[in-house]
């Protein structure tokens, strides 16, 4: 599955995987992550294949929220991702 690096970092932060998110953001991986091709590197960041598949599925919208509250939280998440990513970039630069 292919996902944008910045989107994957943001989703990892949202699901509580701060360490993996920071390691991914600082990594030399390209802007587009292929979860199959880059699996070994992503596992080094502490992500197991099942967890990675679920988080990547959330990023690309392949996993749909089941209830209204979850959809609302997902919409809220979409609004905050770019702001949180910008804050992280400011901290790292």
PDB file of N, CA and C in Angstrom:
ATOM      1  N   UNK A   1       0.846  -1.156   0.000  1.00  0.00           N
ATOM      2  CA  UNK A   1       0.000   0.000   0.000  1.00  0.00           C
ATOM      3  C   UNK A   1       0.903   1.234   0.000  1.00  0.00           C
ATOM      4  N   UNK A   2       0.597   2.198  -0.828  1.00  0.00           N
ATOM      5  CA  UNK A   2       1.399   3.414  -0.913  1.00  0.00           C
ATOM      6  C   UNK A   2       0.677   4.555  -0.216  1.00  0.00           C
ATOM      7  N   UNK A   3       1.417   5.274   0.642  1.00  0.00           N
ATOM      8  CA  UNK A   3       0.874   6.408   1.381  1.00  0.00           C
ATOM      9  C   UNK A   3       1.906   7.525   1.421  1.00  0.00           C
ATOM     10  N   UNK A   4       1.422   8.732   1.610  1.00  0.00           N
ATOM     11  CA  UNK A   4       2.321   9.872   1.765  1.00  0.00           C
ATOM     12  C   UNK A   4       2.976   9.807   3.146  1.00  0.00           C
ATOM     13  N   UNK A   5       4.258  10.068   3.174  1.00  0.00           N
ATOM     14  CA  UNK A   5       5.012  10.015   4.426  1.00  0.00           C
ATOM     15  C   UNK A   5       4.415  10.952   5.475  1.00  0.00           C
ATOM     16  N   UNK A   6       4.098  12.180   5.087  1.00  0.00           N
ATOM     17  CA  UNK A   6       3.569  13.150   6.043  1.00  0.00           C
ATOM     18  C   UNK A   6       2.226  12.713   6.608  1.00  0.00           C
ATOM     19  N   UNK A   7       1.394  12.109   5.778  1.00  0.00           N
ATOM     20  CA  UNK A   7       0.091  11.631   6.250  1.00  0.00           C
ATOM     21  C   UNK A   7       0.248  10.463   7.204  1.00  0.00           C
ATOM     22  N   UNK A   8       1.197   9.583   6.912  1.00  0.00           N
ATOM     23  CA  UNK A   8       1.437   8.445   7.791  1.00  0.00           C
ATOM     24  C   UNK A   8       1.986   8.922   9.133  1.00  0.00           C
ATOM     25  N   UNK A   9       2.880   9.899   9.110  1.00  0.00           N
ATOM     26  CA  UNK A   9       3.410  10.469  10.355  1.00  0.00           C
ATOM     27  C   UNK A   9       2.274  11.052  11.187  1.00  0.00           C
ATOM     28  N   UNK A  10       1.415  11.821  10.553  1.00  0.00           N
ATOM     29  CA  UNK A  10       0.296  12.441  11.268  1.00  0.00           C
ATOM     30  C   UNK A  10      -0.640  11.397  11.865  1.00  0.00           C
ATOM     31  N   UNK A  11      -0.932  10.349  11.121  1.00  0.00           N
ATOM     32  CA  UNK A  11      -1.833   9.317  11.628  1.00  0.00           C
ATOM     33  C   UNK A  11      -1.179   8.549  12.769  1.00  0.00           C
ATOM     34  N   UNK A  12       0.119   8.293  12.673  1.00  0.00           N
ATOM     35  CA  UNK A  12       0.816   7.625  13.775  1.00  0.00           C
ATOM     36  C   UNK A  12       0.732   8.457  15.054  1.00  0.00           C
ATOM     37  N   UNK A  13       0.858   9.758  14.919  1.00  0.00           N
ATOM     38  CA  UNK A  13       0.709  10.637  16.077  1.00  0.00           C
ATOM     39  C   UNK A  13      -0.687  10.526  16.663  1.00  0.00           C
ATOM     40  N   UNK A  14      -1.683  10.487  15.808  1.00  0.00           N
ATOM     41  CA  UNK A  14      -3.071  10.429  16.266  1.00  0.00           C
ATOM     42  C   UNK A  14      -3.400   9.131  16.982  1.00  0.00           C
ATOM     43  N   UNK A  15      -2.760   8.054  16.585  1.00  0.00           N
ATOM     44  CA  UNK A  15      -3.056   6.760  17.234  1.00  0.00           C
ATOM     45  C   UNK A  15      -2.095   6.484  18.390  1.00  0.00           C
ATOM     46  N   UNK A  16      -1.277   7.466  18.757  1.00  0.00           N
ATOM     47  CA  UNK A  16      -0.428   7.325  19.927  1.00  0.00           C
ATOM     48  C   UNK A  16       0.936   6.717  19.696  1.00  0.00           C
ATOM     49  N   UNK A  17       1.359   6.619  18.463  1.00  0.00           N
ATOM     50  CA  UNK A  17       2.675   6.061  18.142  1.00  0.00           C
ATOM     51  C   UNK A  17       3.679   7.189  17.888  1.00  0.00           C
ATOM     52  N   UNK A  18       3.905   8.012  18.935  1.00  0.00           N
ATOM     53  CA  UNK A  18       4.759   9.191  18.792  1.00  0.00           C
ATOM     54  C   UNK A  18       6.188   8.841  18.406  1.00  0.00           C
ATOM     55  N   UNK A  19       6.761   7.816  19.038  1.00  0.00           N
ATOM     56  CA  UNK A  19       8.149   7.440  18.731  1.00  0.00           C
ATOM     57  C   UNK A  19       8.297   7.027  17.269  1.00  0.00           C
ATOM     58  N   UNK A  20       7.393   6.174  16.803  1.00  0.00           N
ATOM     59  CA  UNK A  20       7.449   5.732  15.408  1.00  0.00           C
ATOM     60  C   UNK A  20       7.257   6.913  14.469  1.00  0.00           C
ATOM     61  N   UNK A  21       6.361   7.838  14.835  1.00  0.00           N
ATOM     62  CA  UNK A  21       6.107   9.009  13.994  1.00  0.00           C
ATOM     63  C   UNK A  21       7.358   9.873  13.858  1.00  0.00           C
ATOM     64  N   UNK A  22       8.044  10.107  14.960  1.00  0.00           N
ATOM     65  CA  UNK A  22       9.266  10.924  14.923  1.00  0.00           C
ATOM     66  C   UNK A  22      10.356  10.223  14.126  1.00  0.00           C
ATOM     67  N   UNK A  23      10.527   8.925  14.355  1.00  0.00           N
ATOM     68  CA  UNK A  23      11.545   8.182  13.604  1.00  0.00           C
ATOM     69  C   UNK A  23      11.247   8.189  12.110  1.00  0.00           C
ATOM     70  N   UNK A  24       9.985   8.026  11.752  1.00  0.00           N
ATOM     71  CA  UNK A  24       9.607   8.063  10.338  1.00  0.00           C
ATOM     72  C   UNK A  24       9.848   9.439   9.742  1.00  0.00           C
ATOM     73  N   UNK A  25       9.442  10.481  10.458  1.00  0.00           N
ATOM     74  CA  UNK A  25       9.617  11.843   9.949  1.00  0.00           C
ATOM     75  C   UNK A  25      11.086  12.178   9.715  1.00  0.00           C
ATOM     76  N   UNK A  26      11.943  11.684  10.585  1.00  0.00           N
ATOM     77  CA  UNK A  26      13.380  11.970  10.464  1.00  0.00           C
ATOM     78  C   UNK A  26      14.119  11.005   9.542  1.00  0.00           C
ATOM     79  N   UNK A  27      13.425   9.987   9.081  1.00  0.00           N
ATOM     80  CA  UNK A  27      14.077   8.956   8.269  1.00  0.00           C
ATOM     81  C   UNK A  27      14.403   9.459   6.867  1.00  0.00           C
ATOM     82  N   UNK A  28      15.222   8.684   6.195  1.00  0.00           N
ATOM     83  CA  UNK A  28      15.605   8.992   4.824  1.00  0.00           C
ATOM     84  C   UNK A  28      14.622   8.417   3.804  1.00  0.00           C
ATOM     85  N   UNK A  29      13.531   7.819   4.282  1.00  0.00           N
ATOM     86  CA  UNK A  29      12.523   7.301   3.352  1.00  0.00           C
ATOM     87  C   UNK A  29      11.945   8.456   2.544  1.00  0.00           C
ATOM     88  N   UNK A  30      11.549   8.159   1.322  1.00  0.00           N
ATOM     89  CA  UNK A  30      11.016   9.187   0.435  1.00  0.00           C
ATOM     90  C   UNK A  30       9.665   9.716   0.886  1.00  0.00           C
ATOM     91  N   UNK A  31       9.140  10.669   0.127  1.00  0.00           N
ATOM     92  CA  UNK A  31       7.849  11.278   0.447  1.00  0.00           C
ATOM     93  C   UNK A  31       6.691  10.310   0.282  1.00  0.00           C
ATOM     94  N   UNK A  32       6.886   9.282  -0.540  1.00  0.00           N
ATOM     95  CA  UNK A  32       5.858   8.259  -0.700  1.00  0.00           C
ATOM     96  C   UNK A  32       6.383   6.954  -0.102  1.00  0.00           C
ATOM     97  N   UNK A  33       5.617   6.418   0.830  1.00  0.00           N
ATOM     98  CA  UNK A  33       5.991   5.184   1.509  1.00  0.00           C
ATOM     99  C   UNK A  33       5.223   4.030   0.879  1.00  0.00           C
ATOM    100  N   UNK A  34       5.930   2.988   0.522  1.00  0.00           N
ATOM    101  CA  UNK A  34       5.306   1.745   0.073  1.00  0.00           C
ATOM    102  C   UNK A  34       5.425   0.783   1.245  1.00  0.00           C
ATOM    103  N   UNK A  35       4.299   0.440   1.864  1.00  0.00           N
ATOM    104  CA  UNK A  35       4.342  -0.348   3.094  1.00  0.00           C
ATOM    105  C   UNK A  35       4.948  -1.728   2.886  1.00  0.00           C
ATOM    106  N   UNK A  36       4.902  -2.260   1.683  1.00  0.00           N
ATOM    107  CA  UNK A  36       5.545  -3.552   1.418  1.00  0.00           C
ATOM    108  C   UNK A  36       7.046  -3.380   1.220  1.00  0.00           C
ATOM    109  N   UNK A  37       7.409  -2.461   0.370  1.00  0.00           N
ATOM    110  CA  UNK A  37       8.822  -2.221   0.059  1.00  0.00           C
ATOM    111  C   UNK A  37       9.590  -1.743   1.292  1.00  0.00           C
ATOM    112  N   UNK A  38       8.978  -0.877   2.081  1.00  0.00           N
ATOM    113  CA  UNK A  38       9.647  -0.254   3.222  1.00  0.00           C
ATOM    114  C   UNK A  38       9.336  -0.936   4.551  1.00  0.00           C
ATOM    115  N   UNK A  39       8.753  -2.129   4.505  1.00  0.00           N
ATOM    116  CA  UNK A  39       8.315  -2.813   5.716  1.00  0.00           C
ATOM    117  C   UNK A  39       9.444  -3.021   6.722  1.00  0.00           C
ATOM    118  N   UNK A  40      10.598  -3.456   6.272  1.00  0.00           N
ATOM    119  CA  UNK A  40      11.706  -3.717   7.198  1.00  0.00           C
ATOM    120  C   UNK A  40      12.096  -2.456   7.965  1.00  0.00           C
ATOM    121  N   UNK A  41      12.173  -1.339   7.275  1.00  0.00           N
ATOM    122  CA  UNK A  41      12.521  -0.076   7.926  1.00  0.00           C
ATOM    123  C   UNK A  41      11.429   0.341   8.907  1.00  0.00           C
ATOM    124  N   UNK A  42      10.176   0.203   8.495  1.00  0.00           N
ATOM    125  CA  UNK A  42       9.057   0.585   9.361  1.00  0.00           C
ATOM    126  C   UNK A  42       8.997  -0.299  10.607  1.00  0.00           C
ATOM    127  N   UNK A  43       9.376  -1.558  10.480  1.00  0.00           N
ATOM    128  CA  UNK A  43       9.419  -2.447  11.639  1.00  0.00           C
ATOM    129  C   UNK A  43      10.516  -2.014  12.613  1.00  0.00           C
ATOM    130  N   UNK A  44      11.606  -1.472  12.094  1.00  0.00           N
ATOM    131  CA  UNK A  44      12.671  -0.954  12.955  1.00  0.00           C
ATOM    132  C   UNK A  44      12.170   0.199  13.819  1.00  0.00           C
ATOM    133  N   UNK A  45      11.125   0.891  13.345  1.00  0.00           N
ATOM    134  CA  UNK A  45      10.541   2.002  14.096  1.00  0.00           C
ATOM    135  C   UNK A  45       9.547   1.512  15.147  1.00  0.00           C
ATOM    136  N   UNK A  46       9.364   0.194  15.246  1.00  0.00           N
ATOM    137  CA  UNK A  46       8.482  -0.365  16.252  1.00  0.00           C
ATOM    138  C   UNK A  46       7.077  -0.678  15.775  1.00  0.00           C
ATOM    139  N   UNK A  47       6.875  -0.689  14.471  1.00  0.00           N
ATOM    140  CA  UNK A  47       5.545  -0.977  13.919  1.00  0.00           C
ATOM    141  C   UNK A  47       5.489  -2.417  13.441  1.00  0.00           C
ATOM    142  N   UNK A  48       4.448  -3.137  13.851  1.00  0.00           N
ATOM    143  CA  UNK A  48       4.291  -4.488  13.326  1.00  0.00           C
ATOM    144  C   UNK A  48       3.438  -4.426  12.052  1.00  0.00           C
ATOM    145  N   UNK A  49       3.551  -5.423  11.197  1.00  0.00           N
ATOM    146  CA  UNK A  49       2.859  -5.388   9.896  1.00  0.00           C
ATOM    147  C   UNK A  49       1.347  -5.169   9.996  1.00  0.00           C
ATOM    148  N   UNK A  50       0.677  -5.801  10.953  1.00  0.00           N
ATOM    149  CA  UNK A  50      -0.774  -5.623  11.080  1.00  0.00           C
ATOM    150  C   UNK A  50      -1.127  -4.199  11.485  1.00  0.00           C
ATOM    151  N   UNK A  51      -0.379  -3.672  12.438  1.00  0.00           N
ATOM    152  CA  UNK A  51      -0.605  -2.305  12.885  1.00  0.00           C
ATOM    153  C   UNK A  51      -0.347  -1.327  11.739  1.00  0.00           C
ATOM    154  N   UNK A  52       0.714  -1.547  11.004  1.00  0.00           N
ATOM    155  CA  UNK A  52       1.057  -0.687   9.881  1.00  0.00           C
ATOM    156  C   UNK A  52      -0.043  -0.706   8.821  1.00  0.00           C
ATOM    157  N   UNK A  53      -0.559  -1.885   8.526  1.00  0.00           N
ATOM    158  CA  UNK A  53      -1.630  -1.997   7.538  1.00  0.00           C
ATOM    159  C   UNK A  53      -2.871  -1.233   7.984  1.00  0.00           C
ATOM    160  N   UNK A  54      -3.200  -1.325   9.259  1.00  0.00           N
ATOM    161  CA  UNK A  54      -4.374  -0.621   9.769  1.00  0.00           C
ATOM    162  C   UNK A  54      -4.188   0.897   9.706  1.00  0.00           C
ATOM    163  N   UNK A  55      -3.033   1.378  10.146  1.00  0.00           N
ATOM    164  CA  UNK A  55      -2.780   2.820  10.141  1.00  0.00           C
ATOM    165  C   UNK A  55      -2.729   3.345   8.703  1.00  0.00           C
ATOM    166  N   UNK A  56      -2.066   2.623   7.816  1.00  0.00           N
ATOM    167  CA  UNK A  56      -2.007   3.042   6.414  1.00  0.00           C
ATOM    168  C   UNK A  56      -3.400   3.035   5.800  1.00  0.00           C
ATOM    169  N   UNK A  57      -4.228   2.054   6.151  1.00  0.00           N
ATOM    170  CA  UNK A  57      -5.601   2.011   5.663  1.00  0.00           C
ATOM    171  C   UNK A  57      -6.403   3.213   6.124  1.00  0.00           C
ATOM    172  N   UNK A  58      -6.171   3.650   7.343  1.00  0.00           N
ATOM    173  CA  UNK A  58      -6.831   4.859   7.841  1.00  0.00           C
ATOM    174  C   UNK A  58      -6.382   6.085   7.052  1.00  0.00           C
ATOM    175  N   UNK A  59      -5.091   6.133   6.735  1.00  0.00           N
ATOM    176  CA  UNK A  59      -4.546   7.277   6.003  1.00  0.00           C
ATOM    177  C   UNK A  59      -5.207   7.419   4.639  1.00  0.00           C
ATOM    178  N   UNK A  60      -5.330   6.320   3.905  1.00  0.00           N
ATOM    179  CA  UNK A  60      -5.872   6.421   2.547  1.00  0.00           C
ATOM    180  C   UNK A  60      -7.382   6.283   2.487  1.00  0.00           C
ATOM    181  N   UNK A  61      -8.003   6.055   3.638  1.00  0.00           N
ATOM    182  CA  UNK A  61      -9.454   5.957   3.669  1.00  0.00           C
ATOM    183  C   UNK A  61      -9.993   4.597   3.296  1.00  0.00           C
ATOM    184  N   UNK A  62      -9.127   3.583   3.246  1.00  0.00           N
ATOM    185  CA  UNK A  62      -9.584   2.235   2.906  1.00  0.00           C
ATOM    186  C   UNK A  62     -10.387   1.625   4.046  1.00  0.00           C
ATOM    187  N   UNK A  63     -10.127   2.078   5.259  1.00  0.00           N
ATOM    188  CA  UNK A  63     -10.893   1.624   6.414  1.00  0.00           C
ATOM    189  C   UNK A  63     -11.877   2.725   6.752  1.00  0.00           C
ATOM    190  N   UNK A  64     -13.137   2.407   6.673  1.00  0.00           N
ATOM    191  CA  UNK A  64     -14.180   3.384   6.947  1.00  0.00           C
ATOM    192  C   UNK A  64     -14.652   3.277   8.386  1.00  0.00           C
ATOM    193  N   UNK A  65     -14.806   4.396   9.046  1.00  0.00           N
ATOM    194  CA  UNK A  65     -15.342   4.371  10.400  1.00  0.00           C
ATOM    195  C   UNK A  65     -16.730   3.751  10.415  1.00  0.00           C
ATOM    196  N   UNK A  66     -17.050   3.043  11.500  1.00  0.00           N
ATOM    197  CA  UNK A  66     -18.310   2.313  11.568  1.00  0.00           C
ATOM    198  C   UNK A  66     -19.464   3.121  12.125  1.00  0.00           C
ATOM    199  N   UNK A  67     -19.207   4.095  12.961  1.00  0.00           N
ATOM    200  CA  UNK A  67     -20.328   4.827  13.541  1.00  0.00           C
ATOM    201  C   UNK A  67     -20.176   6.328  13.341  1.00  0.00           C
ATOM    202  N   UNK A  68     -21.222   7.057  13.662  1.00  0.00           N
ATOM    203  CA  UNK A  68     -21.249   8.503  13.441  1.00  0.00           C
ATOM    204  C   UNK A  68     -20.178   9.204  14.262  1.00  0.00           C
ATOM    205  N   UNK A  69     -20.017   8.819  15.521  1.00  0.00           N
ATOM    206  CA  UNK A  69     -19.006   9.462  16.366  1.00  0.00           C
ATOM    207  C   UNK A  69     -17.602   9.241  15.825  1.00  0.00           C
ATOM    208  N   UNK A  70     -17.330   8.049  15.345  1.00  0.00           N
ATOM    209  CA  UNK A  70     -16.016   7.771  14.774  1.00  0.00           C
ATOM    210  C   UNK A  70     -15.811   8.588  13.507  1.00  0.00           C
ATOM    211  N   UNK A  71     -16.844   8.701  12.680  1.00  0.00           N
ATOM    212  CA  UNK A  71     -16.723   9.530  11.471  1.00  0.00           C
ATOM    213  C   UNK A  71     -16.477  10.982  11.824  1.00  0.00           C
ATOM    214  N   UNK A  72     -17.144  11.469  12.862  1.00  0.00           N
ATOM    215  CA  UNK A  72     -16.952  12.858  13.283  1.00  0.00           C
ATOM    216  C   UNK A  72     -15.520  13.065  13.754  1.00  0.00           C
ATOM    217  N   UNK A  73     -15.005  12.112  14.540  1.00  0.00           N
ATOM    218  CA  UNK A  73     -13.612  12.205  14.992  1.00  0.00           C
ATOM    219  C   UNK A  73     -12.662  12.156  13.803  1.00  0.00           C
ATOM    220  N   UNK A  74     -12.988  11.347  12.813  1.00  0.00           N
ATOM    221  CA  UNK A  74     -12.155  11.266  11.614  1.00  0.00           C
ATOM    222  C   UNK A  74     -12.149  12.599  10.867  1.00  0.00           C
ATOM    223  N   UNK A  75     -13.300  13.233  10.785  1.00  0.00           N
ATOM    224  CA  UNK A  75     -13.371  14.546  10.147  1.00  0.00           C
ATOM    225  C   UNK A  75     -12.556  15.575  10.919  1.00  0.00           C
ATOM    226  N   UNK A  76     -12.649  15.523  12.251  1.00  0.00           N
ATOM    227  CA  UNK A  76     -11.851  16.422  13.081  1.00  0.00           C
ATOM    228  C   UNK A  76     -10.368  16.176  12.877  1.00  0.00           C
ATOM    229  N   UNK A  77     -10.006  14.904  12.762  1.00  0.00           N
ATOM    230  CA  UNK A  77      -8.612  14.537  12.533  1.00  0.00           C
ATOM    231  C   UNK A  77      -8.106  15.121  11.216  1.00  0.00           C
ATOM    232  N   UNK A  78      -8.908  15.009  10.190  1.00  0.00           N
ATOM    233  CA  UNK A  78      -8.498  15.532   8.882  1.00  0.00           C
ATOM    234  C   UNK A  78      -8.216  17.023   8.950  1.00  0.00           C
ATOM    235  N   UNK A  79      -8.938  17.741   9.794  1.00  0.00           N
ATOM    236  CA  UNK A  79      -8.744  19.187   9.925  1.00  0.00           C
ATOM    237  C   UNK A  79      -7.478  19.537  10.688  1.00  0.00           C
ATOM    238  N   UNK A  80      -7.032  18.632  11.555  1.00  0.00           N
ATOM    239  CA  UNK A  80      -5.870  18.947  12.388  1.00  0.00           C
ATOM    240  C   UNK A  80      -4.551  18.406  11.867  1.00  0.00           C
ATOM    241  N   UNK A  81      -4.588  17.492  10.930  1.00  0.00           N
ATOM    242  CA  UNK A  81      -3.345  16.860  10.466  1.00  0.00           C
ATOM    243  C   UNK A  81      -2.353  17.885   9.938  1.00  0.00           C
ATOM    244  N   UNK A  82      -2.780  18.763   9.059  1.00  0.00           N
ATOM    245  CA  UNK A  82      -1.821  19.699   8.466  1.00  0.00           C
ATOM    246  C   UNK A  82      -1.273  20.661   9.517  1.00  0.00           C
ATOM    247  N   UNK A  83      -2.101  21.068  10.474  1.00  0.00           N
ATOM    248  CA  UNK A  83      -1.631  21.971  11.524  1.00  0.00           C
ATOM    249  C   UNK A  83      -0.590  21.281  12.402  1.00  0.00           C
ATOM    250  N   UNK A  84      -0.839  20.019  12.778  1.00  0.00           N
ATOM    251  CA  UNK A  84       0.105  19.296  13.627  1.00  0.00           C
ATOM    252  C   UNK A  84       1.404  19.026  12.878  1.00  0.00           C
ATOM    253  N   UNK A  85       1.288  18.704  11.604  1.00  0.00           N
ATOM    254  CA  UNK A  85       2.494  18.455  10.813  1.00  0.00           C
ATOM    255  C   UNK A  85       3.326  19.728  10.727  1.00  0.00           C
ATOM    256  N   UNK A  86       2.678  20.859  10.522  1.00  0.00           N
ATOM    257  CA  UNK A  86       3.396  22.127  10.455  1.00  0.00           C
ATOM    258  C   UNK A  86       4.096  22.421  11.778  1.00  0.00           C
ATOM    259  N   UNK A  87       3.445  22.134  12.899  1.00  0.00           N
ATOM    260  CA  UNK A  87       4.057  22.339  14.207  1.00  0.00           C
ATOM    261  C   UNK A  87       5.294  21.455  14.372  1.00  0.00           C
ATOM    262  N   UNK A  88       5.202  20.207  13.943  1.00  0.00           N
ATOM    263  CA  UNK A  88       6.351  19.304  14.046  1.00  0.00           C
ATOM    264  C   UNK A  88       7.522  19.791  13.200  1.00  0.00           C
ATOM    265  N   UNK A  89       7.227  20.209  11.994  1.00  0.00           N
ATOM    266  CA  UNK A  89       8.281  20.707  11.111  1.00  0.00           C
ATOM    267  C   UNK A  89       8.955  21.915  11.734  1.00  0.00           C
ATOM    268  N   UNK A  90       8.159  22.813  12.315  1.00  0.00           N
ATOM    269  CA  UNK A  90       8.742  23.981  12.978  1.00  0.00           C
ATOM    270  C   UNK A  90       9.670  23.576  14.108  1.00  0.00           C
ATOM    271  N   UNK A  91       9.284  22.555  14.878  1.00  0.00           N
ATOM    272  CA  UNK A  91      10.131  22.086  15.984  1.00  0.00           C
ATOM    273  C   UNK A  91      11.422  21.457  15.478  1.00  0.00           C
ATOM    274  N   UNK A  92      11.366  20.736  14.376  1.00  0.00           N
ATOM    275  CA  UNK A  92      12.533  20.009  13.884  1.00  0.00           C
ATOM    276  C   UNK A  92      13.495  20.888  13.099  1.00  0.00           C
ATOM    277  N   UNK A  93      13.032  22.041  12.651  1.00  0.00           N
ATOM    278  CA  UNK A  93      13.924  22.898  11.854  1.00  0.00           C
ATOM    279  C   UNK A  93      14.494  24.015  12.656  1.00  0.00           C
TER     280      UNK A  93
END
